[in-house]
Amino acid sequence: MILEIADIRIQPGQNAAFEEAIQRALTTVAVQAAGMQGYSVTRGVESPERYVLQIVWATLEDHTVGFREGPLFPQWRGIIGPFFAQPPQVEHFSLVTKSA
């Protein structure tokens, strides 16, 4: 299991439209990706134009090769990309420990 964390900054005043767009992108595009196992999106309290997207992938390659290099990524970016104030910062993590 690999956890992708994307730190997304959007343009001011676009929260409602971005939240609709990312929900649409996740439920119509990202869910089609091989190895995609789940997701969550959270909005900053102190920084309301900052969002953290978390996607669980079966393998790193499911994200970096299958999704990012495949036909779904341009669709994904076309839906949410126009809202970005800057390119998202993306990192991948592997599980060390988890509560019950």
PDB file of N, CA and C in Angstrom:
ATOM      1  N   MET A   1       0.844  -1.179   0.000  1.00  0.00           N
ATOM      2  CA  MET A   1       0.000   0.000   0.000  1.00  0.00           C
ATOM      3  C   MET A   1       0.889   1.242   0.000  1.00  0.00           C
ATOM      4  N   ILE A   2       0.557   2.192  -0.843  1.00  0.00           N
ATOM      5  CA  ILE A   2       1.262   3.467  -0.944  1.00  0.00           C
ATOM      6  C   ILE A   2       0.249   4.591  -0.760  1.00  0.00           C
ATOM      7  N   LEU A   3       0.606   5.562   0.072  1.00  0.00           N
ATOM      8  CA  LEU A   3      -0.243   6.725   0.280  1.00  0.00           C
ATOM      9  C   LEU A   3       0.359   7.902  -0.469  1.00  0.00           C
ATOM     10  N   GLU A   4      -0.400   8.430  -1.403  1.00  0.00           N
ATOM     11  CA  GLU A   4      -0.023   9.659  -2.108  1.00  0.00           C
ATOM     12  C   GLU A   4      -0.629  10.823  -1.354  1.00  0.00           C
ATOM     13  N   ILE A   5       0.191  11.821  -1.054  1.00  0.00           N
ATOM     14  CA  ILE A   5      -0.314  13.049  -0.448  1.00  0.00           C
ATOM     15  C   ILE A   5       0.023  14.199  -1.379  1.00  0.00           C
ATOM     16  N   ALA A   6      -1.017  14.907  -1.807  1.00  0.00           N
ATOM     17  CA  ALA A   6      -0.852  16.060  -2.680  1.00  0.00           C
ATOM     18  C   ALA A   6      -1.299  17.306  -1.927  1.00  0.00           C
ATOM     19  N   ASP A   7      -0.391  18.255  -1.785  1.00  0.00           N
ATOM     20  CA  ASP A   7      -0.677  19.537  -1.149  1.00  0.00           C
ATOM     21  C   ASP A   7      -1.069  20.498  -2.268  1.00  0.00           C
ATOM     22  N   ILE A   8      -2.342  20.883  -2.283  1.00  0.00           N
ATOM     23  CA  ILE A   8      -2.901  21.674  -3.381  1.00  0.00           C
ATOM     24  C   ILE A   8      -3.262  23.053  -2.878  1.00  0.00           C
ATOM     25  N   ARG A   9      -2.807  24.072  -3.604  1.00  0.00           N
ATOM     26  CA  ARG A   9      -3.174  25.467  -3.318  1.00  0.00           C
ATOM     27  C   ARG A   9      -4.004  25.961  -4.498  1.00  0.00           C
ATOM     28  N   ILE A  10      -5.200  26.471  -4.179  1.00  0.00           N
ATOM     29  CA  ILE A  10      -6.072  26.962  -5.246  1.00  0.00           C
ATOM     30  C   ILE A  10      -6.145  28.483  -5.228  1.00  0.00           C
ATOM     31  N   GLN A  11      -6.680  29.021  -6.289  1.00  0.00           N
ATOM     32  CA  GLN A  11      -6.867  30.463  -6.402  1.00  0.00           C
ATOM     33  C   GLN A  11      -7.946  30.923  -5.410  1.00  0.00           C
ATOM     34  N   PRO A  12      -7.752  32.078  -4.760  1.00  0.00           N
ATOM     35  CA  PRO A  12      -8.728  32.578  -3.783  1.00  0.00           C
ATOM     36  C   PRO A  12     -10.135  32.694  -4.386  1.00  0.00           C
ATOM     37  N   GLY A  13     -11.118  32.382  -3.542  1.00  0.00           N
ATOM     38  CA  GLY A  13     -12.517  32.532  -3.932  1.00  0.00           C
ATOM     39  C   GLY A  13     -13.075  31.412  -4.788  1.00  0.00           C
ATOM     40  N   GLN A  14     -12.295  30.357  -5.004  1.00  0.00           N
ATOM     41  CA  GLN A  14     -12.717  29.261  -5.878  1.00  0.00           C
ATOM     42  C   GLN A  14     -13.071  27.983  -5.117  1.00  0.00           C
ATOM     43  N   ASN A  15     -13.235  28.061  -3.792  1.00  0.00           N
ATOM     44  CA  ASN A  15     -13.437  26.861  -2.977  1.00  0.00           C
ATOM     45  C   ASN A  15     -14.611  26.001  -3.423  1.00  0.00           C
ATOM     46  N   ALA A  16     -15.775  26.592  -3.555  1.00  0.00           N
ATOM     47  CA  ALA A  16     -16.962  25.802  -3.901  1.00  0.00           C
ATOM     48  C   ALA A  16     -16.798  25.134  -5.256  1.00  0.00           C
ATOM     49  N   ALA A  17     -16.310  25.868  -6.226  1.00  0.00           N
ATOM     50  CA  ALA A  17     -16.137  25.301  -7.565  1.00  0.00           C
ATOM     51  C   ALA A  17     -15.057  24.223  -7.564  1.00  0.00           C
ATOM     52  N   PHE A  18     -13.955  24.449  -6.831  1.00  0.00           N
ATOM     53  CA  PHE A  18     -12.899  23.445  -6.756  1.00  0.00           C
ATOM     54  C   PHE A  18     -13.399  22.179  -6.070  1.00  0.00           C
ATOM     55  N   GLU A  19     -14.117  22.323  -4.992  1.00  0.00           N
ATOM     56  CA  GLU A  19     -14.612  21.150  -4.265  1.00  0.00           C
ATOM     57  C   GLU A  19     -15.556  20.326  -5.131  1.00  0.00           C
ATOM     58  N   GLU A  20     -16.361  20.965  -5.923  1.00  0.00           N
ATOM     59  CA  GLU A  20     -17.222  20.227  -6.854  1.00  0.00           C
ATOM     60  C   GLU A  20     -16.364  19.534  -7.906  1.00  0.00           C
ATOM     61  N   ALA A  21     -15.370  20.241  -8.418  1.00  0.00           N
ATOM     62  CA  ALA A  21     -14.531  19.692  -9.477  1.00  0.00           C
ATOM     63  C   ALA A  21     -13.700  18.506  -8.990  1.00  0.00           C
ATOM     64  N   ILE A  22     -13.121  18.603  -7.808  1.00  0.00           N
ATOM     65  CA  ILE A  22     -12.281  17.500  -7.344  1.00  0.00           C
ATOM     66  C   ILE A  22     -13.131  16.278  -7.014  1.00  0.00           C
ATOM     67  N   GLN A  23     -14.321  16.508  -6.494  1.00  0.00           N
ATOM     68  CA  GLN A  23     -15.234  15.379  -6.240  1.00  0.00           C
ATOM     69  C   GLN A  23     -15.598  14.692  -7.557  1.00  0.00           C
ATOM     70  N   ARG A  24     -15.886  15.490  -8.572  1.00  0.00           N
ATOM     71  CA  ARG A  24     -16.220  14.942  -9.889  1.00  0.00           C
ATOM     72  C   ARG A  24     -15.023  14.198 -10.484  1.00  0.00           C
ATOM     73  N   ALA A  25     -13.840  14.794 -10.380  1.00  0.00           N
ATOM     74  CA  ALA A  25     -12.639  14.162 -10.929  1.00  0.00           C
ATOM     75  C   ALA A  25     -12.331  12.833 -10.228  1.00  0.00           C
ATOM     76  N   LEU A  26     -12.532  12.799  -8.924  1.00  0.00           N
ATOM     77  CA  LEU A  26     -12.274  11.559  -8.180  1.00  0.00           C
ATOM     78  C   LEU A  26     -13.287  10.471  -8.534  1.00  0.00           C
ATOM     79  N   THR A  27     -14.565  10.840  -8.601  1.00  0.00           N
ATOM     80  CA  THR A  27     -15.608   9.832  -8.784  1.00  0.00           C
ATOM     81  C   THR A  27     -15.822   9.414 -10.233  1.00  0.00           C
ATOM     82  N   THR A  28     -15.332  10.204 -11.187  1.00  0.00           N
ATOM     83  CA  THR A  28     -15.527   9.829 -12.584  1.00  0.00           C
ATOM     84  C   THR A  28     -14.240   9.423 -13.295  1.00  0.00           C
ATOM     85  N   VAL A  29     -13.083   9.927 -12.830  1.00  0.00           N
ATOM     86  CA  VAL A  29     -11.819   9.650 -13.513  1.00  0.00           C
ATOM     87  C   VAL A  29     -10.890   8.796 -12.653  1.00  0.00           C
ATOM     88  N   ALA A  30     -10.521   9.306 -11.483  1.00  0.00           N
ATOM     89  CA  ALA A  30      -9.511   8.628 -10.664  1.00  0.00           C
ATOM     90  C   ALA A  30      -9.925   7.219 -10.259  1.00  0.00           C
ATOM     91  N   VAL A  31     -11.199   7.016  -9.991  1.00  0.00           N
ATOM     92  CA  VAL A  31     -11.647   5.682  -9.567  1.00  0.00           C
ATOM     93  C   VAL A  31     -11.466   4.627 -10.655  1.00  0.00           C
ATOM     94  N   GLN A  32     -11.259   5.054 -11.885  1.00  0.00           N
ATOM     95  CA  GLN A  32     -11.029   4.104 -12.980  1.00  0.00           C
ATOM     96  C   GLN A  32      -9.585   3.586 -13.005  1.00  0.00           C
ATOM     97  N   ALA A  33      -8.693   4.236 -12.276  1.00  0.00           N
ATOM     98  CA  ALA A  33      -7.271   3.893 -12.319  1.00  0.00           C
ATOM     99  C   ALA A  33      -7.005   2.566 -11.624  1.00  0.00           C
ATOM    100  N   ALA A  34      -6.228   1.721 -12.265  1.00  0.00           N
ATOM    101  CA  ALA A  34      -5.827   0.441 -11.676  1.00  0.00           C
ATOM    102  C   ALA A  34      -5.044   0.708 -10.400  1.00  0.00           C
ATOM    103  N   GLY A  35      -5.368  -0.008  -9.347  1.00  0.00           N
ATOM    104  CA  GLY A  35      -4.643   0.097  -8.090  1.00  0.00           C
ATOM    105  C   GLY A  35      -5.106   1.196  -7.162  1.00  0.00           C
ATOM    106  N   MET A  36      -6.054   2.020  -7.593  1.00  0.00           N
ATOM    107  CA  MET A  36      -6.562   3.084  -6.734  1.00  0.00           C
ATOM    108  C   MET A  36      -7.506   2.455  -5.713  1.00  0.00           C
ATOM    109  N   GLN A  37      -7.211   2.633  -4.421  1.00  0.00           N
ATOM    110  CA  GLN A  37      -7.963   1.929  -3.381  1.00  0.00           C
ATOM    111  C   GLN A  37      -8.812   2.828  -2.490  1.00  0.00           C
ATOM    112  N   GLY A  38      -8.685   4.115  -2.603  1.00  0.00           N
ATOM    113  CA  GLY A  38      -9.486   5.022  -1.781  1.00  0.00           C
ATOM    114  C   GLY A  38      -8.866   6.401  -1.749  1.00  0.00           C
ATOM    115  N   TYR A  39      -9.627   7.371  -1.231  1.00  0.00           N
ATOM    116  CA  TYR A  39      -9.153   8.750  -1.221  1.00  0.00           C
ATOM    117  C   TYR A  39      -9.844   9.544  -0.133  1.00  0.00           C
ATOM    118  N   SER A  40      -9.252  10.685   0.199  1.00  0.00           N
ATOM    119  CA  SER A  40      -9.897  11.692   1.045  1.00  0.00           C
ATOM    120  C   SER A  40      -9.362  13.054   0.630  1.00  0.00           C
ATOM    121  N   VAL A  41     -10.177  14.075   0.850  1.00  0.00           N
ATOM    122  CA  VAL A  41      -9.791  15.449   0.571  1.00  0.00           C
ATOM    123  C   VAL A  41     -10.131  16.263   1.812  1.00  0.00           C
ATOM    124  N   THR A  42      -9.155  17.042   2.294  1.00  0.00           N
ATOM    125  CA  THR A  42      -9.387  17.915   3.439  1.00  0.00           C
ATOM    126  C   THR A  42      -8.998  19.343   3.068  1.00  0.00           C
ATOM    127  N   ARG A  43      -9.697  20.301   3.690  1.00  0.00           N
ATOM    128  CA  ARG A  43      -9.439  21.723   3.430  1.00  0.00           C
ATOM    129  C   ARG A  43      -8.803  22.337   4.670  1.00  0.00           C
ATOM    130  N   GLY A  44      -7.854  23.229   4.468  1.00  0.00           N
ATOM    131  CA  GLY A  44      -7.199  23.909   5.578  1.00  0.00           C
ATOM    132  C   GLY A  44      -8.155  24.818   6.328  1.00  0.00           C
ATOM    133  N   VAL A  45      -7.996  24.855   7.629  1.00  0.00           N
ATOM    134  CA  VAL A  45      -8.800  25.744   8.460  1.00  0.00           C
ATOM    135  C   VAL A  45      -8.167  27.137   8.459  1.00  0.00           C
ATOM    136  N   GLU A  46      -6.876  27.205   8.761  1.00  0.00           N
ATOM    137  CA  GLU A  46      -6.188  28.491   8.760  1.00  0.00           C
ATOM    138  C   GLU A  46      -5.908  28.991   7.348  1.00  0.00           C
ATOM    139  N   SER A  47      -5.781  28.081   6.414  1.00  0.00           N
ATOM    140  CA  SER A  47      -5.501  28.418   5.010  1.00  0.00           C
ATOM    141  C   SER A  47      -6.565  27.773   4.132  1.00  0.00           C
ATOM    142  N   PRO A  48      -7.738  28.404   3.983  1.00  0.00           N
ATOM    143  CA  PRO A  48      -8.852  27.757   3.280  1.00  0.00           C
ATOM    144  C   PRO A  48      -8.621  27.497   1.796  1.00  0.00           C
ATOM    145  N   GLU A  49      -7.592  28.085   1.207  1.00  0.00           N
ATOM    146  CA  GLU A  49      -7.278  27.781  -0.195  1.00  0.00           C
ATOM    147  C   GLU A  49      -6.292  26.628  -0.315  1.00  0.00           C
ATOM    148  N   ARG A  50      -5.989  25.975   0.802  1.00  0.00           N
ATOM    149  CA  ARG A  50      -5.067  24.832   0.816  1.00  0.00           C
ATOM    150  C   ARG A  50      -5.857  23.543   1.065  1.00  0.00           C
ATOM    151  N   TYR A  51      -5.617  22.573   0.213  1.00  0.00           N
ATOM    152  CA  TYR A  51      -6.267  21.272   0.324  1.00  0.00           C
ATOM    153  C   TYR A  51      -5.204  20.185   0.377  1.00  0.00           C
ATOM    154  N   VAL A  52      -5.523  19.110   1.093  1.00  0.00           N
ATOM    155  CA  VAL A  52      -4.664  17.932   1.105  1.00  0.00           C
ATOM    156  C   VAL A  52      -5.483  16.783   0.527  1.00  0.00           C
ATOM    157  N   LEU A  53      -4.990  16.258  -0.578  1.00  0.00           N
ATOM    158  CA  LEU A  53      -5.599  15.098  -1.230  1.00  0.00           C
ATOM    159  C   LEU A  53      -4.774  13.879  -0.854  1.00  0.00           C
ATOM    160  N   GLN A  54      -5.442  12.848  -0.342  1.00  0.00           N
ATOM    161  CA  GLN A  54      -4.775  11.592  -0.020  1.00  0.00           C
ATOM    162  C   GLN A  54      -5.404  10.486  -0.854  1.00  0.00           C
ATOM    163  N   ILE A  55      -4.576   9.778  -1.583  1.00  0.00           N
ATOM    164  CA  ILE A  55      -5.050   8.641  -2.371  1.00  0.00           C
ATOM    165  C   ILE A  55      -4.224   7.422  -1.988  1.00  0.00           C
ATOM    166  N   VAL A  56      -4.903   6.323  -1.737  1.00  0.00           N
ATOM    167  CA  VAL A  56      -4.231   5.067  -1.431  1.00  0.00           C
ATOM    168  C   VAL A  56      -4.123   4.268  -2.725  1.00  0.00           C
ATOM    169  N   TRP A  57      -2.887   3.863  -3.042  1.00  0.00           N
ATOM    170  CA  TRP A  57      -2.597   3.069  -4.229  1.00  0.00           C
ATOM    171  C   TRP A  57      -2.065   1.713  -3.804  1.00  0.00           C
ATOM    172  N   ALA A  58      -2.328   0.696  -4.591  1.00  0.00           N
ATOM    173  CA  ALA A  58      -1.781  -0.633  -4.309  1.00  0.00           C
ATOM    174  C   ALA A  58      -0.258  -0.622  -4.414  1.00  0.00           C
ATOM    175  N   THR A  59       0.266   0.049  -5.441  1.00  0.00           N
ATOM    176  CA  THR A  59       1.710   0.146  -5.637  1.00  0.00           C
ATOM    177  C   THR A  59       2.066   1.557  -6.075  1.00  0.00           C
ATOM    178  N   LEU A  60       3.319   1.923  -5.915  1.00  0.00           N
ATOM    179  CA  LEU A  60       3.785   3.232  -6.379  1.00  0.00           C
ATOM    180  C   LEU A  60       3.598   3.364  -7.881  1.00  0.00           C
ATOM    181  N   GLU A  61       3.886   2.286  -8.617  1.00  0.00           N
ATOM    182  CA  GLU A  61       3.773   2.313 -10.075  1.00  0.00           C
ATOM    183  C   GLU A  61       2.337   2.497 -10.553  1.00  0.00           C
ATOM    184  N   ASP A  62       1.357   2.059  -9.753  1.00  0.00           N
ATOM    185  CA  ASP A  62      -0.040   2.305 -10.130  1.00  0.00           C
ATOM    186  C   ASP A  62      -0.289   3.804 -10.283  1.00  0.00           C
ATOM    187  N   HIS A  63       0.356   4.606  -9.439  1.00  0.00           N
ATOM    188  CA  HIS A  63       0.198   6.050  -9.549  1.00  0.00           C
ATOM    189  C   HIS A  63       1.159   6.650 -10.570  1.00  0.00           C
ATOM    190  N   THR A  64       2.457   6.371 -10.390  1.00  0.00           N
ATOM    191  CA  THR A  64       3.473   7.069 -11.188  1.00  0.00           C
ATOM    192  C   THR A  64       3.515   6.649 -12.646  1.00  0.00           C
ATOM    193  N   VAL A  65       3.158   5.413 -12.928  1.00  0.00           N
ATOM    194  CA  VAL A  65       3.186   4.930 -14.312  1.00  0.00           C
ATOM    195  C   VAL A  65       1.769   4.767 -14.856  1.00  0.00           C
ATOM    196  N   GLY A  66       0.984   3.917 -14.223  1.00  0.00           N
ATOM    197  CA  GLY A  66      -0.352   3.623 -14.733  1.00  0.00           C
ATOM    198  C   GLY A  66      -1.254   4.833 -14.845  1.00  0.00           C
ATOM    199  N   PHE A  67      -1.289   5.659 -13.795  1.00  0.00           N
ATOM    200  CA  PHE A  67      -2.164   6.821 -13.812  1.00  0.00           C
ATOM    201  C   PHE A  67      -1.503   8.028 -14.457  1.00  0.00           C
ATOM    202  N   ARG A  68      -0.321   8.405 -13.968  1.00  0.00           N
ATOM    203  CA  ARG A  68       0.326   9.641 -14.444  1.00  0.00           C
ATOM    204  C   ARG A  68       0.729   9.572 -15.914  1.00  0.00           C
ATOM    205  N   GLU A  69       1.077   8.376 -16.404  1.00  0.00           N
ATOM    206  CA  GLU A  69       1.507   8.242 -17.795  1.00  0.00           C
ATOM    207  C   GLU A  69       0.408   7.703 -18.706  1.00  0.00           C
ATOM    208  N   GLY A  70      -0.769   7.467 -18.138  1.00  0.00           N
ATOM    209  CA  GLY A  70      -1.858   6.894 -18.917  1.00  0.00           C
ATOM    210  C   GLY A  70      -2.864   7.936 -19.387  1.00  0.00           C
ATOM    211  N   PRO A  71      -3.925   7.481 -20.029  1.00  0.00           N
ATOM    212  CA  PRO A  71      -4.910   8.389 -20.613  1.00  0.00           C
ATOM    213  C   PRO A  71      -5.822   9.088 -19.599  1.00  0.00           C
ATOM    214  N   LEU A  72      -5.867   8.606 -18.355  1.00  0.00           N
ATOM    215  CA  LEU A  72      -6.738   9.232 -17.369  1.00  0.00           C
ATOM    216  C   LEU A  72      -6.177  10.545 -16.823  1.00  0.00           C
ATOM    217  N   PHE A  73      -4.853  10.667 -16.772  1.00  0.00           N
ATOM    218  CA  PHE A  73      -4.252  11.854 -16.157  1.00  0.00           C
ATOM    219  C   PHE A  73      -4.630  13.155 -16.866  1.00  0.00           C
ATOM    220  N   PRO A  74      -4.606  13.237 -18.186  1.00  0.00           N
ATOM    221  CA  PRO A  74      -5.025  14.494 -18.825  1.00  0.00           C
ATOM    222  C   PRO A  74      -6.481  14.855 -18.510  1.00  0.00           C
ATOM    223  N   GLN A  75      -7.342  13.854 -18.386  1.00  0.00           N
ATOM    224  CA  GLN A  75      -8.735  14.117 -18.017  1.00  0.00           C
ATOM    225  C   GLN A  75      -8.805  14.689 -16.600  1.00  0.00           C
ATOM    226  N   TRP A  76      -8.060  14.044 -15.686  1.00  0.00           N
ATOM    227  CA  TRP A  76      -7.992  14.456 -14.286  1.00  0.00           C
ATOM    228  C   TRP A  76      -7.510  15.906 -14.182  1.00  0.00           C
ATOM    229  N   ARG A  77      -6.390  16.181 -14.809  1.00  0.00           N
ATOM    230  CA  ARG A  77      -5.781  17.513 -14.731  1.00  0.00           C
ATOM    231  C   ARG A  77      -6.670  18.548 -15.410  1.00  0.00           C
ATOM    232  N   GLY A  78      -7.383  18.154 -16.458  1.00  0.00           N
ATOM    233  CA  GLY A  78      -8.282  19.081 -17.135  1.00  0.00           C
ATOM    234  C   GLY A  78      -9.422  19.549 -16.252  1.00  0.00           C
ATOM    235  N   ILE A  79      -9.854  18.705 -15.335  1.00  0.00           N
ATOM    236  CA  ILE A  79     -10.953  19.057 -14.431  1.00  0.00           C
ATOM    237  C   ILE A  79     -10.475  19.936 -13.285  1.00  0.00           C
ATOM    238  N   ILE A  80      -9.362  19.565 -12.649  1.00  0.00           N
ATOM    239  CA  ILE A  80      -8.943  20.304 -11.447  1.00  0.00           C
ATOM    240  C   ILE A  80      -7.812  21.297 -11.682  1.00  0.00           C
ATOM    241  N   GLY A  81      -7.044  21.114 -12.733  1.00  0.00           N
ATOM    242  CA  GLY A  81      -5.892  21.971 -12.996  1.00  0.00           C
ATOM    243  C   GLY A  81      -6.184  23.461 -13.086  1.00  0.00           C
ATOM    244  N   PRO A  82      -7.309  23.868 -13.688  1.00  0.00           N
ATOM    245  CA  PRO A  82      -7.572  25.303 -13.809  1.00  0.00           C
ATOM    246  C   PRO A  82      -7.696  26.041 -12.469  1.00  0.00           C
ATOM    247  N   PHE A  83      -7.890  25.311 -11.381  1.00  0.00           N
ATOM    248  CA  PHE A  83      -8.042  25.941 -10.072  1.00  0.00           C
ATOM    249  C   PHE A  83      -6.713  26.171  -9.353  1.00  0.00           C
ATOM    250  N   PHE A  84      -5.640  25.533  -9.808  1.00  0.00           N
ATOM    251  CA  PHE A  84      -4.369  25.580  -9.094  1.00  0.00           C
ATOM    252  C   PHE A  84      -3.759  26.975  -9.098  1.00  0.00           C
ATOM    253  N   ALA A  85      -3.320  27.428  -7.926  1.00  0.00           N
ATOM    254  CA  ALA A  85      -2.558  28.668  -7.817  1.00  0.00           C
ATOM    255  C   ALA A  85      -1.089  28.397  -8.120  1.00  0.00           C
ATOM    256  N   GLN A  86      -0.680  27.139  -7.944  1.00  0.00           N
ATOM    257  CA  GLN A  86       0.685  26.678  -8.221  1.00  0.00           C
ATOM    258  C   GLN A  86       0.613  25.169  -8.384  1.00  0.00           C
ATOM    259  N   PRO A  87       1.626  24.553  -8.967  1.00  0.00           N
ATOM    260  CA  PRO A  87       1.584  23.094  -9.106  1.00  0.00           C
ATOM    261  C   PRO A  87       1.536  22.421  -7.731  1.00  0.00           C
ATOM    262  N   PRO A  88       0.733  21.368  -7.569  1.00  0.00           N
ATOM    263  CA  PRO A  88       0.665  20.658  -6.291  1.00  0.00           C
ATOM    264  C   PRO A  88       2.013  20.026  -5.934  1.00  0.00           C
ATOM    265  N   GLN A  89       2.269  19.938  -4.636  1.00  0.00           N
ATOM    266  CA  GLN A  89       3.427  19.212  -4.127  1.00  0.00           C
ATOM    267  C   GLN A  89       2.951  17.796  -3.810  1.00  0.00           C
ATOM    268  N   VAL A  90       3.568  16.796  -4.430  1.00  0.00           N
ATOM    269  CA  VAL A  90       3.120  15.408  -4.281  1.00  0.00           C
ATOM    270  C   VAL A  90       4.258  14.555  -3.734  1.00  0.00           C
ATOM    271  N   GLU A  91       3.943  13.754  -2.716  1.00  0.00           N
ATOM    272  CA  GLU A  91       4.891  12.793  -2.166  1.00  0.00           C
ATOM    273  C   GLU A  91       4.154  11.492  -1.906  1.00  0.00           C
ATOM    274  N   HIS A  92       4.947  10.426  -1.783  1.00  0.00           N
ATOM    275  CA  HIS A  92       4.399   9.092  -1.522  1.00  0.00           C
ATOM    276  C   HIS A  92       4.952   8.554  -0.207  1.00  0.00           C
ATOM    277  N   PHE A  93       4.111   7.805   0.507  1.00  0.00           N
ATOM    278  CA  PHE A  93       4.470   7.289   1.817  1.00  0.00           C
ATOM    279  C   PHE A  93       4.080   5.825   1.917  1.00  0.00           C
ATOM    280  N   SER A  94       4.841   5.073   2.713  1.00  0.00           N
ATOM    281  CA  SER A  94       4.486   3.687   3.015  1.00  0.00           C
ATOM    282  C   SER A  94       4.162   3.595   4.500  1.00  0.00           C
ATOM    283  N   LEU A  95       3.236   2.731   4.835  1.00  0.00           N
ATOM    284  CA  LEU A  95       2.730   2.591   6.199  1.00  0.00           C
ATOM    285  C   LEU A  95       3.785   1.999   7.125  1.00  0.00           C
ATOM    286  N   VAL A  96       3.949   2.627   8.279  1.00  0.00           N
ATOM    287  CA  VAL A  96       4.859   2.127   9.303  1.00  0.00           C
ATOM    288  C   VAL A  96       4.062   1.478  10.424  1.00  0.00           C
ATOM    289  N   THR A  97       3.018   2.169  10.898  1.00  0.00           N
ATOM    290  CA  THR A  97       2.171   1.631  11.959  1.00  0.00           C
ATOM    291  C   THR A  97       0.788   2.245  11.833  1.00  0.00           C
ATOM    292  N   LYS A  98      -0.207   1.584  12.413  1.00  0.00           N
ATOM    293  CA  LYS A  98      -1.590   2.021  12.296  1.00  0.00           C
ATOM    294  C   LYS A  98      -2.339   1.631  13.555  1.00  0.00           C
ATOM    295  N   SER A  99      -3.287   2.466  13.994  1.00  0.00           N
ATOM    296  CA  SER A  99      -4.107   2.116  15.147  1.00  0.00           C
ATOM    297  C   SER A  99      -5.188   1.118  14.736  1.00  0.00           C
ATOM    298  N   ALA A 100      -5.732   0.441  15.700  1.00  0.00           N
ATOM    299  CA  ALA A 100      -6.749  -0.583  15.424  1.00  0.00           C
ATOM    300  C   ALA A 100      -8.062   0.018  14.994  1.00  0.00           C
TER     301      ALA A 100
END
